[in-house]
Protein backbone atom coordinates (compact mmCIF):
# COMPACT_ATOMS: atom_id res chain seq x y z
CA MET A 1 -156.82 -15.72 -27.24
CA ARG A 2 -154.08 -14.96 -24.71
CA ALA A 3 -153.20 -11.43 -23.61
CA ALA A 4 -150.95 -9.30 -25.82
CA ASP A 5 -147.19 -9.57 -25.24
CA ALA A 6 -146.36 -5.89 -25.69
CA ARG A 7 -147.48 -2.45 -26.82
CA VAL A 8 -145.39 -0.84 -29.56
CA ARG A 9 -145.18 2.20 -31.81
CA PHE A 10 -145.35 0.55 -35.25
CA GLU A 11 -143.82 2.50 -38.15
CA LEU A 12 -144.27 1.40 -41.75
CA THR A 13 -141.32 2.54 -43.86
CA GLY A 14 -141.26 0.13 -46.82
CA LEU A 15 -142.73 0.79 -50.23
CA GLY A 16 -144.58 -1.78 -52.30
CA ALA A 17 -142.85 -3.77 -55.03
CA ASP A 18 -144.17 -1.20 -57.53
CA GLY A 19 -142.53 1.67 -55.60
CA ARG A 20 -145.83 3.04 -54.30
CA ARG A 21 -146.87 3.64 -50.71
CA ARG A 22 -148.08 0.53 -48.93
CA ARG A 23 -151.03 0.04 -46.64
CA VAL A 24 -151.38 -2.52 -43.87
CA LEU A 25 -154.57 -3.23 -41.97
CA ASP A 26 -155.40 -4.04 -38.37
CA GLY A 27 -154.42 -7.69 -37.79
CA TYR A 28 -151.21 -7.33 -39.85
CA ARG A 29 -148.78 -10.26 -39.32
CA PRO A 30 -145.17 -9.48 -40.29
CA HIS A 31 -141.90 -10.87 -38.85
CA TYR A 32 -140.02 -9.29 -35.95
CA ARG A 33 -136.24 -9.61 -35.65
CA ILE A 34 -135.95 -10.59 -31.99
CA ARG A 35 -132.26 -11.57 -32.11
CA PRO A 36 -129.72 -11.43 -34.95
CA ASP A 37 -130.35 -15.12 -35.59
CA TYR A 38 -134.08 -15.26 -34.76
CA HIS A 39 -137.20 -13.82 -36.39
CA THR A 40 -140.71 -14.50 -35.15
CA SER A 41 -144.20 -13.81 -36.44
CA ALA A 42 -146.29 -11.10 -34.80
CA GLN A 43 -149.92 -10.07 -34.96
CA HIS A 44 -150.85 -6.39 -34.55
CA ARG A 45 -154.00 -4.81 -33.18
CA PHE A 46 -153.75 -1.11 -33.94
CA LEU A 47 -155.00 1.01 -31.06
CA ASP A 48 -155.36 4.39 -32.75
CA ALA A 49 -155.89 3.45 -36.41
CA THR A 50 -157.47 0.80 -38.62
CA GLU A 51 -154.67 1.00 -41.19
CA VAL A 52 -151.14 2.35 -41.53
CA LEU A 53 -149.62 3.76 -44.73
CA THR A 54 -145.93 4.05 -45.62
CA GLY A 55 -144.50 6.96 -43.65
CA GLU A 56 -147.12 6.68 -40.92
CA SER A 57 -147.13 5.11 -37.48
CA ALA A 58 -149.65 3.76 -34.98
CA GLU A 59 -149.66 2.28 -31.53
CA ALA A 60 -150.40 -1.44 -31.50
CA GLU A 61 -150.76 -4.34 -29.16
CA VAL A 62 -148.60 -7.22 -30.38
CA TRP A 63 -148.85 -10.97 -29.96
CA LEU A 64 -145.58 -12.79 -30.69
CA LEU A 65 -145.31 -16.42 -31.74
CA THR A 66 -143.61 -18.71 -29.16
CA PRO A 67 -142.28 -16.04 -26.76
CA GLU A 68 -140.93 -18.76 -24.47
CA HIS A 69 -138.13 -19.33 -27.02
CA TYR A 70 -136.60 -15.85 -26.56
CA PRO A 71 -137.06 -14.81 -22.91
CA GLY A 72 -135.78 -11.47 -21.65
CA THR A 73 -135.50 -9.90 -25.10
CA LEU A 74 -137.89 -6.92 -24.78
CA TRP A 75 -137.65 -3.70 -22.80
CA VAL A 76 -139.15 -0.24 -23.10
CA GLY A 77 -137.37 1.71 -25.82
CA ARG A 78 -136.08 -1.30 -27.74
CA ARG A 79 -136.41 -0.87 -31.50
CA LEU A 80 -137.19 -4.01 -33.50
CA ASP A 81 -136.79 -4.43 -37.25
CA ILE A 82 -139.92 -5.66 -39.05
CA SER A 83 -139.93 -7.55 -42.32
CA GLU A 84 -142.04 -9.60 -44.66
CA GLY A 85 -139.72 -12.50 -45.31
CA ALA A 86 -136.37 -10.97 -46.30
CA ARG A 87 -137.89 -7.57 -47.25
CA PRO A 88 -137.66 -4.84 -44.56
CA VAL A 89 -140.96 -2.99 -44.11
CA GLY A 90 -140.56 -0.98 -40.91
CA PHE A 91 -139.81 -1.09 -37.24
CA ALA A 92 -141.48 -1.15 -33.84
CA THR A 93 -140.41 0.65 -30.70
CA VAL A 94 -141.44 -1.11 -27.49
CA LEU A 95 -143.60 1.12 -25.28
CA GLU A 96 -144.67 -1.47 -22.70
CA VAL A 97 -144.00 -5.17 -22.07
CA PHE A 98 -146.96 -7.17 -20.74
CA ASN A 99 -145.55 -10.71 -20.91
CA PRO A 100 -143.15 -11.25 -17.97
CA ILE A 101 -141.31 -13.99 -19.92
CA LEU A 102 -140.19 -11.39 -22.45
CA LEU A 103 -139.26 -8.61 -20.03
CA GLY A 104 -135.54 -8.03 -19.91
CA ALA A 105 -133.11 -5.33 -18.91
CA GLU A 106 -131.75 -3.10 -21.66
CA ALA A 107 -128.88 -4.96 -23.30
CA ALA A 108 -126.23 -4.23 -25.87
CA PRO A 109 -127.30 -5.55 -29.31
CA GLU A 110 -124.50 -8.13 -29.40
CA ARG A 111 -125.92 -9.75 -26.24
CA ILE A 112 -129.37 -10.37 -27.70
């Protein structure tokens, strides 16, 4: 397996379809909204937890699918929307970017 692309603060905000708190486990693979017109799959390895419940957060290393297709789109402090298909489930705040392909300068949202 290749090195992680970034380290993030993952926050789970979405409830389950039944309205109850959700739980996601280490290895969770949701979608990240990288650009307004582009979502990609991500795999999480939680660094300080084995699971995250709705309303909780955890640091995670993240592997993104095909990062070469969206170069320069991550920087420290960027907040990314996370979903499962069309359903929003949370967000991630970038703490560190490891993959130099992804590293970009802070940009206005309309430029991403």
